[in-house]
Amino acid sequence: MVTKKKSASSKNIHAFVGTDEASLKEAALNCFNALAPKEDAEFGAEVIDGVSENADSAVKVITQTLSALQTLPFFGGQKVVWLKGANVFADSQTGKAASVLDAAEALAQFISDDLPEDIIFILSAPSIDKRRSFYKKLVKVGNVDVFDKPDMTRDGWQDQVKNHVRNLASNKGLQFETEALEHFVMLAGTDFTQINNEIEKIDLFLSKDQRTVTVEHVLNQVALTRAGVVFELGNSIAKKDLSSALRNIDHLLYQGESAIGILLAAVVPTIRRLLIAKDLADRHGIKATRNYRSYESSLSRLKESETSHLPRKKDGGLSVYPIFLASSECRKFSLSQLQKSLLECLRANRSLVTSALDHRVILERLVIRVLAT
């Protein structure tokens, strides 16, 4: 998801930041190729590796960048300096070191006040602390493109991805059915590169006469991504399939996912949705149905006071589809069981943060307790 912060004060400072590293790298490379001089490239362009492992190397990276910006081209004309893949401005021990902050402040001061007109500065930084003065000054004086993936631990992330998918699909003359779009987002997650690839696959698979994407198309065509495994873990918990849930946990940990991330992205949201669906069924008689629109309509007829606790989209509307999916599985649990399961999630969260127990063991115990109730 790209947002732009444009400044009228400088046209020779271009920054690409955010958590969507693949899109960021591509945009920064395109910018460099467009601006770097085709002739005398050896003297008119300088690329500096921005990755550092400690405070000393971070200071060297920033000092080298500052020196490159202060050095005019040998044969005159325009010069492009690219600080590439920088992690020196991150919210990390290295980024917070006093020597690094001082060096960053000197760089910020130079690009704000003293950058020559013939020098173009490009920064690509997947990790950057947006609270610090360096970033705030960068936004004021340069053109900043922010490539951020939606946060899957927060309600409403699906809406951002849906808009992106709709735009891509529309460009290819494709139209997703409502349920197909929901399934696509659940499986593909927030990896925009992967999303682009999956849209390409669906486009090639469908004929020129068949441009409507169905649930069946999504299930048959979309590869199982990290988000897909998260989705499958949630499904395994909802279906009380312990062996499948444990396999999915192993898969995610093997992929390098953190235990706390798995807990907050898969386990807790699943339990919450099951609890909400169970409560709606028990208190309001809104039970599972094969028709999503019918379920959505039943939910919309409730008073606002009875839906104030439900997850919302960014536009304020109810996020119904995840609850709809949970409605068919919540009958396997009692209301008290789901309430106890949320408490177990809280205990697991505390253990992951405060104890020295193996994180895999904590997650496996949690899932066993939830599914054994």
Foldseek 3Di string as FASTA:
>chain_A
DKDKQAAPQDEQEEEEEEQLQVVSVVVLVVVCVVPQDPPPSVQQEEEAEQDDDAQVVNLVSLVVQVVSQVDAGPVHAAHEYEHEQHPCQAPDPNVPDPSSLVSLVVSLVCLQPPRDNRYHYYYYYHGHDCVDPSNVSCSHRHMYMYDYFQDLLAFASLVVVLVVLCVLLVVLVAAEDPVLSVVLCQQQPRNVVLSNVLSVQLSVVDDPVDRYDYNVSSVVRRDRDLSNLLSQLLVCLLQLPLVSNLVSLVVNVVVVDDLLSSLSNHVLVSLVLLLVLQCCCVPVVLAADPDQVVSVVSVVPDDCVSCVPAGAHPVGHGPRPSSNVSRVRSVVDHNVLSVVLNVLSVVLNCCSVPPPDDSSVSVSVSSCSSSVD
